[in-house]
N, C-alpha and C. Protein backbone atom coordinates (compact mmCIF):
# COMPACT_ATOMS: atom_id res chain seq x y z
N MET A 1 32.72 -8.04 128.46
CA MET A 1 31.94 -8.56 129.58
C MET A 1 31.24 -9.87 129.23
N LEU A 2 31.73 -10.60 128.24
CA LEU A 2 31.21 -11.91 127.90
C LEU A 2 29.78 -11.88 127.40
N GLY A 3 29.27 -10.70 127.07
CA GLY A 3 27.94 -10.62 126.50
C GLY A 3 26.83 -11.05 127.44
N LEU A 4 26.98 -10.81 128.72
CA LEU A 4 25.97 -11.23 129.68
C LEU A 4 24.70 -10.42 129.50
N ALA A 5 23.58 -11.12 129.55
CA ALA A 5 22.30 -10.44 129.42
C ALA A 5 22.03 -9.60 130.66
N CYS A 6 21.47 -8.44 130.45
CA CYS A 6 21.15 -7.55 131.56
C CYS A 6 19.69 -7.80 131.93
N VAL A 7 19.43 -8.24 133.13
CA VAL A 7 18.06 -8.54 133.52
C VAL A 7 17.66 -7.66 134.70
N ALA A 8 16.41 -7.25 134.70
CA ALA A 8 15.87 -6.50 135.82
C ALA A 8 15.45 -7.50 136.87
N LEU A 9 16.05 -7.41 138.03
CA LEU A 9 15.80 -8.41 139.05
C LEU A 9 14.51 -8.13 139.82
N HIS A 10 13.82 -9.20 140.10
CA HIS A 10 12.68 -9.17 141.01
C HIS A 10 13.24 -8.71 142.36
N PRO A 11 12.52 -7.86 143.11
CA PRO A 11 13.05 -7.38 144.40
C PRO A 11 13.54 -8.49 145.32
N ALA A 12 12.88 -9.65 145.29
CA ALA A 12 13.26 -10.75 146.19
C ALA A 12 14.60 -11.36 145.78
N TRP A 13 15.05 -11.09 144.54
CA TRP A 13 16.29 -11.68 144.08
C TRP A 13 17.50 -10.81 144.38
N ALA A 14 17.30 -9.55 144.59
CA ALA A 14 18.43 -8.64 144.81
C ALA A 14 18.99 -8.86 146.20
N ALA A 15 20.29 -9.06 146.27
CA ALA A 15 20.92 -9.26 147.57
C ALA A 15 21.01 -7.92 148.29
N GLU A 16 20.35 -7.78 149.41
CA GLU A 16 20.40 -6.52 150.15
C GLU A 16 21.81 -6.29 150.69
N GLU A 17 22.31 -7.25 151.38
CA GLU A 17 23.69 -7.19 151.88
C GLU A 17 24.15 -8.62 152.05
N LEU A 18 25.23 -8.96 151.35
CA LEU A 18 25.71 -10.34 151.40
C LEU A 18 26.23 -10.66 152.79
N ALA A 19 25.98 -11.88 153.23
CA ALA A 19 26.56 -12.36 154.48
C ALA A 19 28.07 -12.32 154.34
N ALA A 20 28.77 -12.13 155.44
CA ALA A 20 30.22 -11.95 155.40
C ALA A 20 30.93 -13.11 154.72
N HIS A 21 30.50 -14.36 154.98
CA HIS A 21 31.22 -15.49 154.41
C HIS A 21 31.01 -15.60 152.90
N ILE A 22 29.85 -15.14 152.41
CA ILE A 22 29.61 -15.14 150.97
C ILE A 22 30.43 -14.04 150.31
N GLN A 23 30.44 -12.85 150.92
CA GLN A 23 31.22 -11.74 150.38
C GLN A 23 32.71 -12.07 150.37
N THR A 24 33.18 -12.73 151.42
CA THR A 24 34.60 -13.09 151.50
C THR A 24 34.97 -14.06 150.39
N LEU A 25 34.12 -15.05 150.15
CA LEU A 25 34.40 -16.00 149.09
C LEU A 25 34.39 -15.31 147.73
N ALA A 26 33.39 -14.47 147.47
CA ALA A 26 33.31 -13.75 146.19
C ALA A 26 34.54 -12.87 146.00
N ASP A 27 34.97 -12.18 147.04
CA ASP A 27 36.16 -11.34 146.95
C ASP A 27 37.40 -12.18 146.64
N SER A 28 37.49 -13.35 147.25
CA SER A 28 38.62 -14.25 147.01
C SER A 28 38.66 -14.72 145.57
N VAL A 29 37.50 -15.06 145.03
CA VAL A 29 37.41 -15.52 143.64
C VAL A 29 37.92 -14.43 142.70
N VAL A 30 37.50 -13.19 142.94
CA VAL A 30 37.90 -12.08 142.07
C VAL A 30 39.39 -11.77 142.25
N GLN A 31 39.85 -11.69 143.49
CA GLN A 31 41.25 -11.33 143.75
C GLN A 31 42.23 -12.34 143.19
N THR A 32 41.88 -13.62 143.26
CA THR A 32 42.78 -14.66 142.77
C THR A 32 42.53 -15.00 141.30
N LYS A 33 41.52 -14.34 140.70
CA LYS A 33 41.15 -14.62 139.31
C LYS A 33 40.82 -16.11 139.10
N ASP A 34 40.26 -16.70 140.15
CA ASP A 34 40.00 -18.14 140.11
C ASP A 34 38.93 -18.52 139.09
N SER A 35 38.00 -17.62 138.80
CA SER A 35 36.96 -17.95 137.82
C SER A 35 37.39 -17.63 136.38
N ARG A 36 38.63 -17.14 136.24
CA ARG A 36 39.22 -16.88 134.92
C ARG A 36 38.34 -15.98 134.05
N GLY A 37 37.82 -14.93 134.66
CA GLY A 37 37.02 -13.97 133.91
C GLY A 37 35.64 -14.44 133.55
N GLN A 38 35.21 -15.54 134.13
CA GLN A 38 33.89 -16.08 133.84
C GLN A 38 32.92 -15.73 134.97
N PRO A 39 31.62 -15.70 134.68
CA PRO A 39 30.66 -15.52 135.77
C PRO A 39 30.74 -16.71 136.71
N PHE A 40 30.33 -16.51 137.94
CA PHE A 40 30.40 -17.61 138.90
C PHE A 40 29.20 -17.59 139.83
N ALA A 41 29.02 -18.68 140.52
CA ALA A 41 27.90 -18.81 141.45
C ALA A 41 28.41 -19.42 142.75
N VAL A 42 27.70 -19.12 143.81
CA VAL A 42 28.02 -19.67 145.14
C VAL A 42 26.75 -20.27 145.71
N ILE A 43 26.88 -21.45 146.28
CA ILE A 43 25.75 -22.08 146.98
C ILE A 43 26.10 -22.20 148.46
N ASP A 44 25.22 -21.67 149.28
CA ASP A 44 25.31 -21.83 150.73
C ASP A 44 24.31 -22.92 151.09
N LYS A 45 24.81 -24.12 151.36
CA LYS A 45 23.90 -25.24 151.63
C LYS A 45 23.16 -25.06 152.95
N VAL A 46 23.81 -24.47 153.93
CA VAL A 46 23.17 -24.28 155.23
C VAL A 46 21.95 -23.37 155.09
N GLN A 47 22.09 -22.33 154.28
CA GLN A 47 20.99 -21.38 154.06
C GLN A 47 20.13 -21.77 152.86
N ALA A 48 20.51 -22.84 152.16
CA ALA A 48 19.78 -23.30 150.96
C ALA A 48 19.56 -22.15 150.00
N ARG A 49 20.67 -21.52 149.60
CA ARG A 49 20.57 -20.31 148.78
C ARG A 49 21.64 -20.30 147.70
N LEU A 50 21.25 -19.81 146.52
CA LEU A 50 22.14 -19.67 145.38
C LEU A 50 22.40 -18.18 145.14
N PHE A 51 23.67 -17.84 144.90
CA PHE A 51 24.08 -16.48 144.56
C PHE A 51 24.77 -16.53 143.21
N VAL A 52 24.37 -15.65 142.30
CA VAL A 52 24.98 -15.59 140.97
C VAL A 52 25.73 -14.27 140.85
N PHE A 53 26.98 -14.35 140.38
CA PHE A 53 27.85 -13.18 140.30
C PHE A 53 28.34 -12.91 138.88
N HIS A 54 28.51 -11.63 138.58
CA HIS A 54 29.21 -11.22 137.38
C HIS A 54 30.69 -11.56 137.56
N PRO A 55 31.46 -11.63 136.49
CA PRO A 55 32.89 -11.94 136.62
C PRO A 55 33.66 -11.00 137.55
N ASP A 56 33.21 -9.74 137.66
CA ASP A 56 33.91 -8.77 138.51
C ASP A 56 33.46 -8.83 139.96
N GLY A 57 32.60 -9.77 140.31
CA GLY A 57 32.19 -9.94 141.70
C GLY A 57 30.91 -9.24 142.08
N ARG A 58 30.30 -8.52 141.15
CA ARG A 58 29.01 -7.90 141.46
C ARG A 58 27.94 -8.99 141.50
N VAL A 59 27.12 -8.94 142.53
CA VAL A 59 26.07 -9.96 142.64
C VAL A 59 24.97 -9.66 141.63
N GLN A 60 24.56 -10.68 140.92
CA GLN A 60 23.52 -10.53 139.91
C GLN A 60 22.15 -10.93 140.43
N GLY A 61 22.14 -11.84 141.40
CA GLY A 61 20.87 -12.24 141.99
C GLY A 61 21.05 -13.38 142.96
N THR A 62 20.07 -13.57 143.80
CA THR A 62 20.10 -14.65 144.78
C THR A 62 18.70 -15.21 144.95
N THR A 63 18.62 -16.50 145.24
CA THR A 63 17.33 -17.15 145.37
C THR A 63 17.42 -18.36 146.28
N PRO A 64 16.33 -18.73 146.94
CA PRO A 64 16.30 -20.00 147.67
C PRO A 64 16.36 -21.15 146.66
N ILE A 65 16.89 -22.27 147.07
CA ILE A 65 16.99 -23.45 146.21
C ILE A 65 16.66 -24.70 147.02
N LEU A 66 16.48 -25.79 146.31
CA LEU A 66 16.34 -27.10 146.95
C LEU A 66 17.62 -27.88 146.69
N LEU A 67 18.02 -28.69 147.68
CA LEU A 67 19.29 -29.41 147.63
C LEU A 67 19.11 -30.87 148.00
N GLY A 68 20.24 -31.60 147.97
CA GLY A 68 20.23 -32.99 148.36
C GLY A 68 19.68 -33.18 149.77
N SER A 69 18.87 -34.21 149.95
CA SER A 69 18.20 -34.41 151.24
C SER A 69 19.15 -34.82 152.36
N ALA A 70 20.30 -35.38 152.01
CA ALA A 70 21.24 -35.84 153.05
C ALA A 70 22.30 -34.78 153.33
N ARG A 71 22.64 -34.63 154.59
CA ARG A 71 23.70 -33.71 154.98
C ARG A 71 25.04 -34.37 154.66
N GLY A 72 25.98 -33.60 154.14
CA GLY A 72 27.29 -34.14 153.79
C GLY A 72 27.90 -33.36 152.65
N ASP A 73 29.20 -33.52 152.45
CA ASP A 73 29.92 -32.72 151.46
C ASP A 73 30.57 -33.52 150.34
N ASP A 74 30.34 -34.82 150.32
CA ASP A 74 30.98 -35.65 149.30
C ASP A 74 29.97 -36.56 148.64
N SER A 75 30.17 -36.79 147.34
CA SER A 75 29.34 -37.76 146.63
C SER A 75 29.92 -39.15 146.82
N VAL A 76 29.06 -40.13 146.90
CA VAL A 76 29.49 -41.52 147.00
C VAL A 76 30.16 -41.91 145.69
N PRO A 77 31.34 -42.53 145.72
CA PRO A 77 32.01 -42.94 144.47
C PRO A 77 31.09 -43.79 143.59
N GLY A 78 31.04 -43.45 142.31
CA GLY A 78 30.25 -44.21 141.36
C GLY A 78 28.76 -43.93 141.38
N ILE A 79 28.34 -42.96 142.16
CA ILE A 79 26.90 -42.72 142.31
C ILE A 79 26.25 -42.26 141.01
N GLY A 80 27.02 -41.63 140.15
CA GLY A 80 26.47 -41.14 138.89
C GLY A 80 26.05 -42.24 137.94
N GLN A 81 26.53 -43.47 138.17
CA GLN A 81 26.17 -44.59 137.30
C GLN A 81 25.02 -45.43 137.86
N ARG A 82 24.53 -45.05 139.03
CA ARG A 82 23.46 -45.83 139.66
C ARG A 82 22.08 -45.30 139.32
N LYS A 83 21.08 -46.17 139.37
CA LYS A 83 19.70 -45.74 139.17
C LYS A 83 19.22 -45.01 140.41
N LEU A 84 18.30 -44.05 140.22
CA LEU A 84 17.80 -43.27 141.34
C LEU A 84 17.25 -44.14 142.45
N GLN A 85 16.53 -45.18 142.10
CA GLN A 85 15.92 -46.03 143.14
C GLN A 85 16.96 -46.80 143.96
N ASP A 86 18.20 -46.85 143.46
CA ASP A 86 19.26 -47.56 144.18
C ASP A 86 20.08 -46.64 145.07
N ILE A 87 19.76 -45.36 145.06
CA ILE A 87 20.50 -44.40 145.89
C ILE A 87 19.81 -44.27 147.24
N ARG A 88 20.50 -44.67 148.29
CA ARG A 88 19.92 -44.66 149.63
C ARG A 88 19.80 -43.22 150.16
N PRO A 89 18.86 -42.98 151.07
CA PRO A 89 18.66 -41.63 151.60
C PRO A 89 19.94 -40.96 152.11
N ALA A 90 20.81 -41.69 152.78
CA ALA A 90 22.03 -41.11 153.34
C ALA A 90 23.04 -40.73 152.26
N GLU A 91 22.81 -41.16 151.02
CA GLU A 91 23.74 -40.88 149.93
C GLU A 91 23.30 -39.71 149.05
N ARG A 92 22.20 -39.10 149.38
CA ARG A 92 21.63 -38.04 148.54
C ARG A 92 22.19 -36.67 148.93
N THR A 93 23.46 -36.50 148.68
CA THR A 93 24.15 -35.27 149.07
C THR A 93 24.42 -34.36 147.87
N THR A 94 24.49 -33.09 148.15
CA THR A 94 24.99 -32.11 147.19
C THR A 94 26.44 -31.87 147.56
N PRO A 95 27.40 -32.28 146.71
CA PRO A 95 28.81 -32.18 147.09
C PRO A 95 29.30 -30.74 147.18
N ALA A 96 30.24 -30.52 148.08
CA ALA A 96 30.87 -29.21 148.23
C ALA A 96 32.13 -29.16 147.38
N GLY A 97 32.52 -27.95 147.01
CA GLY A 97 33.76 -27.78 146.26
C GLY A 97 33.62 -26.80 145.12
N ARG A 98 34.64 -26.80 144.27
CA ARG A 98 34.68 -25.94 143.09
C ARG A 98 34.37 -26.79 141.87
N PHE A 99 33.42 -26.34 141.06
CA PHE A 99 32.99 -27.10 139.90
C PHE A 99 32.86 -26.19 138.68
N THR A 100 33.03 -26.76 137.51
CA THR A 100 32.81 -26.02 136.27
C THR A 100 31.35 -26.16 135.88
N ILE A 101 30.71 -25.04 135.59
CA ILE A 101 29.31 -25.05 135.16
C ILE A 101 29.29 -25.19 133.65
N GLU A 102 28.63 -26.24 133.16
CA GLU A 102 28.56 -26.47 131.72
C GLU A 102 27.12 -26.75 131.30
N ALA A 103 26.69 -26.10 130.23
CA ALA A 103 25.35 -26.32 129.72
C ALA A 103 25.23 -27.73 129.17
N GLY A 104 24.07 -28.34 129.34
CA GLY A 104 23.85 -29.68 128.83
C GLY A 104 22.37 -30.00 128.79
N ARG A 105 22.07 -31.26 128.57
CA ARG A 105 20.68 -31.72 128.56
C ARG A 105 20.61 -33.03 129.33
N ASN A 106 19.48 -33.24 130.01
CA ASN A 106 19.30 -34.49 130.73
C ASN A 106 18.67 -35.54 129.82
N ALA A 107 18.36 -36.68 130.37
CA ALA A 107 17.82 -37.79 129.57
C ALA A 107 16.47 -37.46 128.95
N GLN A 108 15.76 -36.48 129.53
CA GLN A 108 14.46 -36.08 129.00
C GLN A 108 14.58 -34.93 127.98
N GLY A 109 15.81 -34.50 127.71
CA GLY A 109 16.03 -33.43 126.74
C GLY A 109 15.90 -32.04 127.32
N GLU A 110 15.73 -31.94 128.63
CA GLU A 110 15.60 -30.64 129.29
C GLU A 110 16.97 -29.96 129.37
N ASP A 111 17.01 -28.66 129.11
CA ASP A 111 18.27 -27.93 129.24
C ASP A 111 18.58 -27.73 130.72
N ILE A 112 19.81 -28.08 131.09
CA ILE A 112 20.27 -28.02 132.47
C ILE A 112 21.70 -27.49 132.47
N PHE A 113 22.27 -27.34 133.64
CA PHE A 113 23.69 -27.00 133.76
C PHE A 113 24.35 -28.07 134.63
N TRP A 114 25.32 -28.75 134.05
CA TRP A 114 26.05 -29.76 134.81
C TRP A 114 26.99 -29.08 135.80
N ILE A 115 26.99 -29.60 137.01
CA ILE A 115 27.91 -29.14 138.05
C ILE A 115 28.98 -30.21 138.27
N ASP A 116 28.58 -31.45 138.36
CA ASP A 116 29.51 -32.58 138.48
C ASP A 116 28.93 -33.71 137.63
N TYR A 117 29.38 -33.78 136.39
CA TYR A 117 28.80 -34.74 135.44
C TYR A 117 28.98 -36.18 135.92
N ASP A 118 30.17 -36.51 136.43
CA ASP A 118 30.44 -37.89 136.85
C ASP A 118 29.51 -38.34 137.98
N ALA A 119 29.16 -37.40 138.86
CA ALA A 119 28.26 -37.73 139.98
C ALA A 119 26.80 -37.46 139.62
N ALA A 120 26.54 -37.05 138.37
CA ALA A 120 25.18 -36.75 137.88
C ALA A 120 24.53 -35.64 138.70
N ILE A 121 25.31 -34.63 139.07
CA ILE A 121 24.79 -33.48 139.80
C ILE A 121 24.62 -32.32 138.83
N SER A 122 23.41 -31.81 138.75
CA SER A 122 23.15 -30.69 137.86
C SER A 122 22.34 -29.61 138.57
N MET A 123 22.28 -28.45 137.92
CA MET A 123 21.42 -27.35 138.38
C MET A 123 20.32 -27.22 137.33
N HIS A 124 19.08 -27.29 137.77
CA HIS A 124 17.97 -27.25 136.82
C HIS A 124 16.75 -26.60 137.45
N ARG A 125 15.76 -26.35 136.64
CA ARG A 125 14.51 -25.78 137.13
C ARG A 125 13.85 -26.77 138.10
N VAL A 126 13.20 -26.23 139.11
CA VAL A 126 12.48 -27.10 140.04
C VAL A 126 11.35 -27.79 139.28
N ARG A 127 11.17 -29.07 139.54
CA ARG A 127 10.11 -29.85 138.90
C ARG A 127 9.06 -30.22 139.94
N ALA A 128 7.87 -29.76 139.72
CA ALA A 128 6.77 -30.04 140.67
C ALA A 128 5.91 -31.17 140.13
N THR A 129 6.55 -32.27 139.77
CA THR A 129 5.83 -33.38 139.15
C THR A 129 5.22 -34.34 140.16
N LYS A 130 5.73 -34.34 141.38
CA LYS A 130 5.22 -35.24 142.41
C LYS A 130 4.63 -34.38 143.53
N ALA A 131 3.31 -34.29 143.56
CA ALA A 131 2.63 -33.38 144.47
C ALA A 131 3.01 -33.60 145.93
N SER A 132 3.24 -34.85 146.32
CA SER A 132 3.54 -35.16 147.72
C SER A 132 4.87 -34.56 148.18
N GLU A 133 5.76 -34.24 147.25
CA GLU A 133 7.05 -33.66 147.62
C GLU A 133 6.96 -32.17 147.93
N ARG A 134 5.90 -31.52 147.45
CA ARG A 134 5.66 -30.10 147.76
C ARG A 134 6.88 -29.22 147.48
N ARG A 135 7.49 -29.41 146.35
CA ARG A 135 8.73 -28.67 146.06
C ARG A 135 8.51 -27.16 145.95
N LEU A 136 7.48 -26.74 145.31
CA LEU A 136 7.22 -25.30 145.20
C LEU A 136 6.92 -24.68 146.56
N GLN A 137 6.17 -25.40 147.37
CA GLN A 137 5.86 -24.90 148.72
C GLN A 137 7.12 -24.83 149.57
N ARG A 138 8.00 -25.80 149.42
CA ARG A 138 9.26 -25.80 150.18
C ARG A 138 10.10 -24.57 149.85
N LEU A 139 10.13 -24.20 148.57
CA LEU A 139 10.89 -23.01 148.16
C LEU A 139 10.30 -21.74 148.74
N ALA A 140 9.00 -21.74 148.97
CA ALA A 140 8.31 -20.53 149.40
C ALA A 140 8.34 -20.30 150.92
N THR A 141 8.68 -21.33 151.70
CA THR A 141 8.66 -21.16 153.15
C THR A 141 9.87 -20.35 153.63
N ALA A 142 9.72 -19.74 154.79
CA ALA A 142 10.80 -18.93 155.36
C ALA A 142 11.93 -19.79 155.93
N THR A 143 11.62 -21.00 156.33
CA THR A 143 12.63 -21.87 156.93
C THR A 143 13.43 -22.61 155.85
N THR A 144 14.67 -22.97 156.20
CA THR A 144 15.50 -23.76 155.28
C THR A 144 15.43 -25.25 155.61
N ALA A 145 14.73 -25.58 156.69
CA ALA A 145 14.68 -26.98 157.14
C ALA A 145 14.03 -27.90 156.13
N ASP A 146 13.14 -27.35 155.29
CA ASP A 146 12.43 -28.20 154.33
C ASP A 146 12.98 -28.08 152.91
N ASN A 147 14.14 -27.46 152.76
CA ASN A 147 14.73 -27.29 151.41
C ASN A 147 15.61 -28.47 151.00
N ARG A 148 15.68 -29.48 151.83
CA ARG A 148 16.49 -30.66 151.52
C ARG A 148 15.55 -31.77 151.04
N ILE A 149 15.51 -32.00 149.73
CA ILE A 149 14.54 -32.95 149.17
C ILE A 149 15.07 -33.71 147.96
N SER A 150 16.10 -33.17 147.29
CA SER A 150 16.54 -33.79 146.03
C SER A 150 17.52 -34.94 146.27
N TYR A 151 17.90 -35.58 145.16
CA TYR A 151 18.90 -36.65 145.22
C TYR A 151 20.32 -36.07 145.21
N GLY A 152 20.43 -34.77 145.17
CA GLY A 152 21.72 -34.09 145.16
C GLY A 152 21.76 -32.91 144.21
N CYS A 153 20.85 -32.92 143.23
CA CYS A 153 20.81 -31.82 142.26
C CYS A 153 20.31 -30.54 142.91
N ILE A 154 20.62 -29.43 142.25
CA ILE A 154 20.23 -28.11 142.71
C ILE A 154 18.98 -27.69 141.95
N ASN A 155 17.87 -27.55 142.66
CA ASN A 155 16.58 -27.16 142.06
C ASN A 155 16.41 -25.66 142.22
N VAL A 156 16.24 -24.96 141.10
CA VAL A 156 16.15 -23.50 141.08
C VAL A 156 14.74 -23.08 140.65
N PRO A 157 14.17 -22.04 141.28
CA PRO A 157 12.86 -21.55 140.83
C PRO A 157 12.88 -21.27 139.33
N VAL A 158 11.82 -21.61 138.64
CA VAL A 158 11.78 -21.55 137.17
C VAL A 158 12.10 -20.16 136.64
N VAL A 159 11.47 -19.13 137.19
CA VAL A 159 11.68 -17.78 136.65
C VAL A 159 13.13 -17.33 136.88
N PHE A 160 13.69 -17.62 138.03
CA PHE A 160 15.08 -17.25 138.30
C PHE A 160 16.02 -18.00 137.35
N PHE A 161 15.73 -19.27 137.14
CA PHE A 161 16.56 -20.07 136.21
C PHE A 161 16.51 -19.45 134.82
N ASN A 162 15.32 -19.11 134.36
CA ASN A 162 15.15 -18.61 133.00
C ASN A 162 15.71 -17.22 132.79
N THR A 163 15.65 -16.37 133.81
CA THR A 163 16.03 -14.97 133.62
C THR A 163 17.39 -14.60 134.21
N VAL A 164 17.94 -15.45 135.08
CA VAL A 164 19.26 -15.15 135.66
C VAL A 164 20.27 -16.24 135.32
N VAL A 165 19.98 -17.47 135.72
CA VAL A 165 20.94 -18.57 135.51
C VAL A 165 21.21 -18.81 134.03
N GLN A 166 20.15 -18.98 133.27
CA GLN A 166 20.32 -19.32 131.86
C GLN A 166 21.06 -18.27 131.05
N PRO A 167 20.67 -16.99 131.11
CA PRO A 167 21.41 -16.01 130.32
C PRO A 167 22.84 -15.79 130.82
N THR A 168 23.08 -16.06 132.09
CA THR A 168 24.42 -15.85 132.63
C THR A 168 25.40 -16.93 132.19
N PHE A 169 24.94 -18.19 132.16
CA PHE A 169 25.86 -19.29 131.91
C PHE A 169 25.70 -19.97 130.55
N SER A 170 24.72 -19.59 129.77
CA SER A 170 24.57 -20.18 128.44
C SER A 170 25.63 -19.60 127.50
N GLY A 171 26.16 -20.44 126.65
CA GLY A 171 27.12 -19.98 125.65
C GLY A 171 28.56 -19.99 126.09
N HIS A 172 28.81 -20.16 127.37
CA HIS A 172 30.18 -20.25 127.89
C HIS A 172 30.14 -20.89 129.27
N GLN A 173 31.29 -21.30 129.74
CA GLN A 173 31.35 -21.95 131.05
C GLN A 173 31.32 -20.93 132.17
N GLY A 174 31.08 -21.42 133.36
CA GLY A 174 31.16 -20.61 134.56
C GLY A 174 31.74 -21.48 135.65
N VAL A 175 31.79 -20.94 136.85
CA VAL A 175 32.34 -21.70 137.98
C VAL A 175 31.34 -21.69 139.13
N MET A 176 31.18 -22.84 139.76
CA MET A 176 30.28 -22.98 140.91
C MET A 176 31.11 -23.30 142.15
N TYR A 177 30.86 -22.56 143.21
CA TYR A 177 31.50 -22.82 144.50
C TYR A 177 30.40 -23.25 145.48
N VAL A 178 30.44 -24.50 145.91
CA VAL A 178 29.44 -25.00 146.85
C VAL A 178 30.08 -25.08 148.23
N LEU A 179 29.60 -24.24 149.14
CA LEU A 179 30.16 -24.20 150.48
C LEU A 179 29.85 -25.48 151.24
N PRO A 180 30.81 -25.97 152.01
CA PRO A 180 30.60 -27.21 152.77
C PRO A 180 29.74 -26.98 154.00
N GLU A 181 29.21 -28.07 154.53
CA GLU A 181 28.45 -27.99 155.77
C GLU A 181 29.02 -28.88 156.86
N THR A 182 29.96 -29.77 156.51
CA THR A 182 30.57 -30.64 157.52
C THR A 182 32.08 -30.43 157.62
N ARG A 183 32.64 -29.63 156.73
CA ARG A 183 34.08 -29.36 156.74
C ARG A 183 34.29 -27.85 156.75
N ALA A 184 35.53 -27.43 156.96
CA ALA A 184 35.86 -26.00 156.95
C ALA A 184 36.00 -25.51 155.52
N ALA A 185 35.41 -24.36 155.22
CA ALA A 185 35.47 -23.79 153.87
C ALA A 185 36.91 -23.52 153.46
N ARG A 186 37.76 -23.12 154.42
CA ARG A 186 39.15 -22.80 154.06
C ARG A 186 39.91 -24.04 153.59
N ASP A 187 39.46 -25.23 154.02
CA ASP A 187 40.09 -26.46 153.55
C ASP A 187 39.57 -26.84 152.16
N VAL A 188 38.29 -26.65 151.95
CA VAL A 188 37.70 -26.99 150.66
C VAL A 188 38.21 -26.07 149.56
N PHE A 189 38.39 -24.78 149.89
CA PHE A 189 38.84 -23.80 148.90
C PHE A 189 40.25 -23.31 149.21
N SER A 190 41.15 -24.22 149.49
CA SER A 190 42.50 -23.86 149.91
C SER A 190 43.30 -23.13 148.83
N ASP A 191 42.89 -23.26 147.55
CA ASP A 191 43.62 -22.59 146.48
C ASP A 191 43.33 -21.10 146.40
N LEU A 192 42.29 -20.66 147.08
CA LEU A 192 41.98 -19.23 147.07
C LEU A 192 42.79 -18.56 148.18
N LYS A 193 43.99 -18.20 147.85
CA LYS A 193 44.94 -17.74 148.86
C LYS A 193 44.57 -16.39 149.48
N ALA A 194 44.06 -15.48 148.66
CA ALA A 194 43.75 -14.15 149.18
C ALA A 194 42.41 -14.17 149.89
N ASN A 195 42.39 -13.70 151.15
CA ASN A 195 41.15 -13.69 151.93
C ASN A 195 40.46 -15.04 151.90
N LYS A 196 41.14 -16.08 152.30
CA LYS A 196 40.58 -17.43 152.25
C LYS A 196 39.20 -17.48 152.88
N PRO A 197 38.23 -18.10 152.21
CA PRO A 197 36.92 -18.26 152.83
C PRO A 197 37.04 -19.00 154.16
N GLY A 198 36.41 -18.47 155.17
CA GLY A 198 36.42 -19.14 156.47
C GLY A 198 37.61 -18.76 157.32
N SER A 199 38.52 -17.94 156.77
CA SER A 199 39.71 -17.58 157.58
C SER A 199 39.36 -16.45 158.52
C-alpha cells in the first residue's frame, strides 16, 4: 500500500457522500489504472474543493481550497517564467487536466507539491501573510464565491496539508486531476475510457 500514513480525519474532512461527478472520476481512475497504483487527488474548481484518494479509490479526505482568481482551464504559455507582478488578473488561472504530483521546494525553501512545474503551479499550505486578502476567512466561509484569490496555485489549509496531503504524497509521486470549468470533463480526461467523467 505504498506505506501511506494512516491519519484520523477531522469530521469536516471526511467525505459524507461524494458528488456523482467526483465518484465517477475516481472510479474511472481506478478501473483504468490511470494513477498506476499511486495515490491521487481530484480538484473540483467550481466547488473549490480538494479530494485525496488512496490508490484503490477510497477517499482519504476532502477540504475547501483557494484557487486561481481567474476563471479558465488553461495556463498562458510561458507564464511560469514571468514575475508575479507581470501576471494580469485574467491570466491567474488554475489549469485543468491530469498532472503528476511531485514534492519540491519553492524559492523560499518551503516544502510544496508541484502540479505543473513549467507553469509554476503548486499545491501548498495557505499563507496568511497579507491581511487584506483574508485567505483564512475565505476558506472558512460557506460560499465558494470568495475562494478565488491566488495566481493559480492551490492553497490548502495548513492542518489538512500537514496531516493528509504531506503524508500521502511525500516519498513518491501521485496524480492530480483538476476538473475543468469551461470545457467538458470527458474531453479533458478522454483517456479514461471506463465510465468517462462527464459521460
